[in-house]
Amino acid sequence: MELINHQFQLAARPVGLPKPSDWHYAEAPVADPGPDEVLVKINYIGLEPAMRGWMNDSRSYIAPVGIGDVMRGFAAGEVIASNFAGLSVGDHVSGLLGVQEYAIANGNAVQKADTELAPLETYLGTLGMPGWTAYFGLIDIGKPAEGDTVVVSGAGGAVGGVVGQIAKLKGCHVVGIAGGAEKCSYVTELGFDAAIDYKSEDVMEALGEQCPKGIDVFFDNVGGEILDAALANLARYARVILCGAISQYNVTDAMKGPSNYMALLVNHASMTGFVVSDYLDRVGEAATALGGWVASGELSSREDIAEGFENFPDTLLRLFSGANTGKLVLKVGGD
């Protein structure tokens, strides 16, 4: 029986939040893999805030998704045909496979997933790109030392939750900023020392209370007013890590930058941006560390799983309303 693939292709550049007309739902026969390629039946698609930036035709760290192209996205699934010596039919893999039901990829472009260590969907979160992002951003740029005060914005998300747990493993006092009582409860379940609810608390004031000696490391996933509040509470020689700015991704007017940036000068602090693709040659290092912590029970993971491939456009919007807790994953088919 001929397999049929379904894809979400980018139909138009969004203005503000993506709307239904920005997508084209396409159908096409599944091709056979070529030399050194594998055919993957996708079971899960990871939804990332970064996807919104990939839709814009603007200068960035990666080329924008082309109009008419399959939407870029990380996914995980099962190899159902292989011309690559390192992978066999039945193996599970993850990689940048796109928002579709079947994908053909070079065998060197995917990572094998050990589903005995963790469920397949975890390889789109804690044991995948979000986990690598948390690891390299905190360890390489934040350089946390025992006793440091580490603050994480977007602490209830896929990256922020891992950042806080690693910081605790390094002996730090960790404060998470999240939106709503449910997310703050989740943050404390992860082992954070405190959680600040930006929806009901004055973040500037709360940071002063929770970080009386100032913030040594601030891992920012949000930007905007929360970044400004953190800058106003920096300790001397603080390290600010710019991972994302989800509060700004769908603005239709000018993006809001930090007004308290002079705190960097006063405190001899640094602010560094990064993307995880800078560290692809060291993914094995992160995978070993994260996998070890998961195996020992020192690092936990939560996937917020939505179902139905056809629901991708609406599910993606949950990222920008704060409706997800942990890693947002779309289940495509059985595994």
Protein backbone atom coordinates (compact mmCIF):
# COMPACT_ATOMS: atom_id res chain seq x y z
CA MET A 1 0.00 0.00 0.00
CA GLU A 2 1.35 3.39 -0.99
CA LEU A 3 2.01 5.62 2.02
CA ILE A 4 0.60 9.14 1.98
CA ASN A 5 2.38 11.97 3.77
CA HIS A 6 0.65 15.01 5.25
CA GLN A 7 2.57 18.22 5.87
CA PHE A 8 2.06 21.72 7.17
CA GLN A 9 3.74 24.14 4.78
CA LEU A 10 4.25 27.85 5.39
CA ALA A 11 1.79 29.71 3.15
CA ALA A 12 2.44 33.30 4.30
CA ARG A 13 4.62 35.30 6.67
CA PRO A 14 2.64 35.84 9.89
CA VAL A 15 1.98 39.30 11.28
CA GLY A 16 1.59 38.89 15.02
CA LEU A 17 0.28 35.48 16.03
CA PRO A 18 0.15 32.91 13.21
CA LYS A 19 -3.35 32.50 11.81
CA PRO A 20 -4.94 29.63 9.82
CA SER A 21 -4.28 31.29 6.45
CA ASP A 22 -0.53 31.26 7.18
CA TRP A 23 -0.55 27.46 6.72
CA HIS A 24 -1.12 25.09 3.83
CA TYR A 25 -2.08 21.49 4.67
CA ALA A 26 -0.50 19.38 1.93
CA GLU A 27 -0.73 15.74 0.92
CA ALA A 28 1.76 13.76 -1.18
CA PRO A 29 3.00 10.17 -1.67
CA VAL A 30 5.91 9.09 0.54
CA ALA A 31 9.14 8.66 -1.43
CA ASP A 32 11.80 6.01 -0.91
CA PRO A 33 15.00 6.95 0.94
CA GLY A 34 18.14 7.46 -1.14
CA PRO A 35 21.74 6.47 -0.38
CA ASP A 36 22.65 6.97 3.30
CA GLU A 37 19.09 8.08 4.03
CA VAL A 38 16.34 6.78 6.29
CA LEU A 39 12.58 7.04 6.12
CA VAL A 40 11.06 7.95 9.48
CA LYS A 41 7.43 7.59 10.52
CA ILE A 42 7.01 10.53 12.88
CA ASN A 43 5.33 9.86 16.21
CA TYR A 44 5.90 13.18 18.02
CA ILE A 45 6.61 16.76 16.97
CA GLY A 46 8.19 19.19 19.42
CA LEU A 47 6.76 22.72 19.45
CA GLU A 48 9.31 25.46 20.13
CA PRO A 49 8.94 29.23 20.64
CA ALA A 50 11.78 29.55 18.12
CA MET A 51 9.42 28.34 15.39
CA ARG A 52 7.80 31.76 15.36
CA GLY A 53 11.12 33.40 14.52
CA TRP A 54 11.83 30.89 11.76
CA MET A 55 8.70 32.11 9.95
CA ASN A 56 10.01 35.68 9.59
CA ASP A 57 11.93 36.79 6.51
CA SER A 58 14.61 38.58 8.49
CA ARG A 59 18.28 38.20 9.31
CA SER A 60 18.79 35.59 12.00
CA TYR A 61 21.00 32.70 13.06
CA ILE A 62 19.25 30.42 10.53
CA ALA A 63 17.57 31.00 7.16
CA PRO A 64 13.80 31.52 7.36
CA VAL A 65 11.42 28.79 6.33
CA GLY A 66 10.56 29.38 2.68
CA ILE A 67 7.03 30.03 1.53
CA GLY A 68 5.71 26.67 0.37
CA ASP A 69 8.27 24.72 2.40
CA VAL A 70 7.46 22.20 5.12
CA MET A 71 7.50 23.98 8.48
CA ARG A 72 10.80 23.41 10.24
CA GLY A 73 10.53 21.47 13.49
CA PHE A 74 12.15 18.85 15.67
CA ALA A 75 10.41 15.49 15.64
CA ALA A 76 10.91 11.91 16.79
CA GLY A 77 9.78 8.66 15.31
CA GLU A 78 10.57 5.17 14.05
CA VAL A 79 12.80 4.20 11.14
CA ILE A 80 10.66 2.22 8.66
CA ALA A 81 13.21 2.01 5.83
CA SER A 82 16.97 2.47 5.94
CA ASN A 83 19.86 2.83 3.50
CA PHE A 84 22.16 4.02 6.28
CA ALA A 85 24.56 1.55 7.87
CA GLY A 86 24.17 2.96 11.38
CA LEU A 87 20.38 2.66 11.62
CA SER A 88 18.00 -0.25 11.21
CA VAL A 89 14.27 -0.58 10.70
CA GLY A 90 12.64 -0.32 14.12
CA ASP A 91 15.19 2.10 15.56
CA HIS A 92 13.86 5.30 17.11
CA VAL A 93 15.42 8.62 16.15
CA SER A 94 14.96 12.34 16.62
CA GLY A 95 16.06 15.32 14.58
CA LEU A 96 15.01 18.32 12.52
CA LEU A 97 12.45 16.32 10.55
CA GLY A 98 9.77 18.94 9.98
CA VAL A 99 6.06 19.21 10.67
CA GLN A 100 4.91 16.19 8.71
CA GLU A 101 3.89 12.55 9.19
CA TYR A 102 6.85 11.00 7.34
CA ALA A 103 10.34 12.35 6.76
CA ILE A 104 13.41 11.33 4.76
CA ALA A 105 16.70 12.32 6.36
CA ASN A 106 20.39 11.60 6.04
CA GLY A 107 21.32 9.09 8.71
CA ASN A 108 24.00 11.43 10.06
CA ALA A 109 21.40 14.17 10.63
CA VAL A 110 19.35 12.28 13.22
CA GLN A 111 20.13 11.03 16.72
CA LYS A 112 19.27 7.53 17.88
CA ALA A 113 16.92 7.50 20.88
CA ASP A 114 17.21 4.92 23.65
CA THR A 115 13.58 4.35 24.61
CA GLU A 116 14.65 2.07 27.47
CA LEU A 117 16.19 5.11 29.19
CA ALA A 118 13.22 7.42 28.61
CA PRO A 119 10.04 7.63 26.52
CA LEU A 120 10.53 8.77 22.93
CA GLU A 121 8.89 12.16 23.53
CA THR A 122 11.54 13.00 26.14
CA TYR A 123 14.06 13.20 23.27
CA LEU A 124 12.23 16.33 22.13
CA GLY A 125 12.57 17.92 25.56
CA THR A 126 14.98 17.15 28.38
CA LEU A 127 17.07 14.72 26.29
CA GLY A 128 16.82 16.78 23.11
CA MET A 129 17.33 20.30 21.86
CA PRO A 130 15.74 22.07 24.89
CA GLY A 131 17.91 20.05 27.26
CA TRP A 132 21.06 20.76 25.23
CA THR A 133 20.11 24.46 25.22
CA ALA A 134 19.74 24.49 28.99
CA TYR A 135 23.00 22.61 29.51
CA PHE A 136 25.28 24.68 27.28
CA GLY A 137 23.71 28.03 28.13
CA LEU A 138 23.98 27.51 31.86
CA ILE A 139 27.28 25.62 32.03
CA ASP A 140 29.27 27.40 29.32
CA ILE A 141 27.95 30.94 29.66
CA GLY A 142 26.45 31.06 33.15
CA LYS A 143 29.34 29.18 34.77
CA PRO A 144 27.36 28.49 37.96
CA ALA A 145 29.36 28.05 41.15
CA GLU A 146 28.19 26.53 44.41
CA GLY A 147 26.29 29.14 46.41
CA ASP A 148 25.42 31.31 43.40
CA THR A 149 21.91 32.71 43.07
CA VAL A 150 20.46 31.63 39.72
CA VAL A 151 17.21 33.08 38.37
CA VAL A 152 15.38 31.53 35.42
CA SER A 153 12.55 33.14 33.46
CA GLY A 154 10.13 30.88 31.64
CA ALA A 155 10.90 28.40 34.40
CA GLY A 156 7.81 26.29 33.69
CA GLY A 157 8.88 25.63 30.11
CA ALA A 158 11.03 22.95 28.50
CA VAL A 159 14.33 24.85 28.71
CA GLY A 160 13.77 26.74 31.95
CA GLY A 161 12.79 23.68 33.96
CA VAL A 162 16.00 21.89 32.99
CA VAL A 163 18.13 24.98 33.68
CA GLY A 164 16.83 25.20 37.24
CA GLN A 165 17.40 21.52 37.94
CA ILE A 166 20.97 21.62 36.66
CA ALA A 167 21.64 24.74 38.73
CA LYS A 168 20.42 22.88 41.83
CA LEU A 169 22.74 19.98 40.99
CA LYS A 170 25.57 22.54 40.94
CA GLY A 171 24.69 23.69 44.47
CA CYS A 172 23.01 26.98 43.57
CA HIS A 173 20.07 28.84 45.13
CA VAL A 174 17.54 28.81 42.30
CA VAL A 175 14.53 31.08 41.74
CA GLY A 176 12.10 30.52 38.88
CA ILE A 177 9.77 33.05 37.28
CA ALA A 178 6.59 31.60 35.76
CA GLY A 179 3.01 32.59 35.01
CA GLY A 180 0.21 31.33 37.23
CA ALA A 181 -0.15 29.24 40.35
CA GLU A 182 -0.07 25.90 38.50
CA LYS A 183 3.20 26.64 36.78
CA CYS A 184 4.76 27.98 39.96
CA SER A 185 3.71 24.80 41.76
CA TYR A 186 5.40 22.75 39.03
CA VAL A 187 8.57 24.84 39.36
CA THR A 188 8.79 24.11 43.08
CA GLU A 189 8.13 20.40 42.38
CA LEU A 190 11.25 20.46 40.20
CA GLY A 191 13.28 21.53 43.25
CA PHE A 192 13.58 25.29 42.71
CA ASP A 193 14.02 27.13 46.01
CA ALA A 194 11.34 29.68 45.13
CA ALA A 195 8.91 30.58 42.35
CA ILE A 196 7.72 34.07 41.41
CA ASP A 197 4.35 34.38 39.69
CA TYR A 198 4.71 37.27 37.26
CA LYS A 199 0.94 37.31 36.76
CA SER A 200 0.17 38.11 40.40
CA GLU A 201 3.41 39.50 41.86
CA ASP A 202 5.60 42.54 41.34
CA VAL A 203 8.63 40.80 39.78
CA MET A 204 11.05 43.59 40.63
CA GLU A 205 10.05 43.54 44.29
CA ALA A 206 9.90 39.74 44.50
CA LEU A 207 13.40 39.40 43.05
CA GLY A 208 14.69 41.79 45.69
CA GLU A 209 13.12 39.62 48.39
CA GLN A 210 14.24 36.26 46.98
CA CYS A 211 17.73 37.40 45.94
CA PRO A 212 18.90 39.71 48.75
CA LYS A 213 22.55 39.49 47.62
CA GLY A 214 21.63 39.98 43.97
CA ILE A 215 21.42 37.66 40.98
CA ASP A 216 24.65 35.92 39.97
CA VAL A 217 23.22 34.15 36.90
CA PHE A 218 20.07 35.11 35.03
CA PHE A 219 18.89 32.70 32.32
CA ASP A 220 16.36 34.58 30.21
CA ASN A 221 13.73 32.98 28.00
CA VAL A 222 11.24 35.85 28.11
CA GLY A 223 12.76 39.31 27.56
CA GLY A 224 10.75 42.51 28.00
CA GLU A 225 9.83 43.74 31.47
CA ILE A 226 11.08 40.58 33.20
CA LEU A 227 14.56 41.02 31.74
CA ASP A 228 14.53 44.64 32.94
CA ALA A 229 13.56 43.58 36.46
CA ALA A 230 16.39 41.05 36.57
CA LEU A 231 18.96 43.58 35.35
CA ALA A 232 17.95 45.88 38.19
CA ASN A 233 18.77 43.12 40.69
CA LEU A 234 22.15 41.92 39.41
CA ALA A 235 25.05 41.06 41.68
CA ARG A 236 28.60 42.11 40.89
CA TYR A 237 30.11 40.11 38.01
CA ALA A 238 26.72 38.62 37.14
CA ARG A 239 26.23 36.62 33.96
CA VAL A 240 23.04 37.19 31.93
CA ILE A 241 22.24 34.49 29.37
CA LEU A 242 19.93 35.48 26.52
CA CYS A 243 18.26 32.30 25.29
CA GLY A 244 14.94 33.68 24.07
CA ALA A 245 12.42 36.51 24.31
CA ILE A 246 9.01 34.91 23.95
CA SER A 247 7.25 38.06 25.19
CA GLN A 248 8.43 39.83 22.02
CA TYR A 249 7.96 37.25 19.27
CA ASN A 250 4.48 38.28 18.16
CA VAL A 251 4.64 42.04 18.70
CA THR A 252 3.50 44.11 15.73
CA ASP A 253 5.23 47.32 16.78
CA ALA A 254 8.82 47.92 17.88
CA MET A 255 10.46 45.22 19.97
CA LYS A 256 11.11 46.36 23.55
CA GLY A 257 14.74 46.13 24.62
CA PRO A 258 16.22 46.44 28.11
CA SER A 259 16.15 49.92 29.64
CA ASN A 260 18.19 48.88 32.69
CA TYR A 261 21.24 47.87 30.67
CA MET A 262 23.50 50.27 32.58
CA ALA A 263 23.30 47.76 35.45
CA LEU A 264 25.71 45.68 33.38
CA LEU A 265 28.29 48.48 33.58
CA VAL A 266 27.73 49.25 37.26
CA ASN A 267 28.02 45.59 38.26
CA HIS A 268 30.83 44.64 35.86
CA ALA A 269 28.34 42.10 34.49
CA SER A 270 28.03 40.45 31.10
CA MET A 271 25.05 39.67 28.86
CA THR A 272 25.56 37.00 26.20
CA GLY A 273 23.24 35.60 23.60
CA PHE A 274 23.59 32.13 22.12
CA VAL A 275 21.85 29.46 20.07
CA VAL A 276 22.26 25.75 20.61
CA SER A 277 23.47 25.20 17.04
CA ASP A 278 26.75 26.79 18.17
CA TYR A 279 27.37 23.60 20.16
CA LEU A 280 26.43 20.83 17.73
CA ASP A 281 29.96 19.41 17.84
CA ARG A 282 29.51 18.88 21.60
CA VAL A 283 26.01 17.39 21.67
CA GLY A 284 27.48 14.09 22.86
CA GLU A 285 28.75 15.82 26.01
CA ALA A 286 25.30 17.18 26.84
CA ALA A 287 23.58 13.92 25.98
CA THR A 288 25.89 11.98 28.30
CA ALA A 289 25.39 14.38 31.22
CA LEU A 290 21.63 14.73 30.81
CA GLY A 291 21.14 11.02 30.24
CA GLY A 292 23.12 10.24 33.38
CA TRP A 293 21.02 12.59 35.49
CA VAL A 294 17.79 11.17 34.08
CA ALA A 295 18.96 7.61 34.73
CA SER A 296 19.87 8.47 38.34
CA GLY A 297 16.57 10.24 38.95
CA GLU A 298 18.28 13.60 39.57
CA LEU A 299 16.68 15.20 36.52
CA SER A 300 12.97 14.94 35.81
CA SER A 301 11.01 15.72 32.68
CA ARG A 302 7.46 16.66 31.84
CA GLU A 303 5.92 16.56 28.39
CA ASP A 304 2.62 18.35 27.78
CA ILE A 305 1.22 16.14 25.02
CA ALA A 306 -1.48 17.28 22.62
CA GLU A 307 -2.93 14.87 20.06
CA GLY A 308 -3.82 15.07 16.39
CA PHE A 309 -1.50 16.16 13.59
CA GLU A 310 -4.26 18.30 12.09
CA ASN A 311 -4.28 20.38 15.29
CA PHE A 312 -0.74 21.69 14.81
CA PRO A 313 -1.67 25.36 14.10
CA ASP A 314 -3.84 25.69 17.21
CA THR A 315 -1.44 23.70 19.39
CA LEU A 316 1.47 25.96 18.42
CA LEU A 317 -0.44 28.98 19.72
CA ARG A 318 -0.50 27.47 23.22
CA LEU A 319 3.18 28.42 23.54
CA PHE A 320 2.36 32.11 23.29
CA SER A 321 -0.54 32.12 25.72
CA GLY A 322 1.40 30.24 28.39
CA ALA A 323 -1.06 27.34 28.20
CA ASN A 324 1.60 24.62 28.35
CA THR A 325 3.62 23.33 31.30
CA GLY A 326 6.89 21.61 30.49
CA LYS A 327 7.69 20.58 26.93
CA LEU A 328 4.80 21.00 24.47
CA VAL A 329 4.65 17.97 22.16
CA LEU A 330 2.18 17.05 19.44
CA LYS A 331 1.47 13.33 19.16
CA VAL A 332 1.16 12.32 15.52
CA GLY A 333 0.80 8.55 15.71
CA GLY A 334 1.43 5.52 17.86
CA ASP A 335 4.89 4.42 18.91
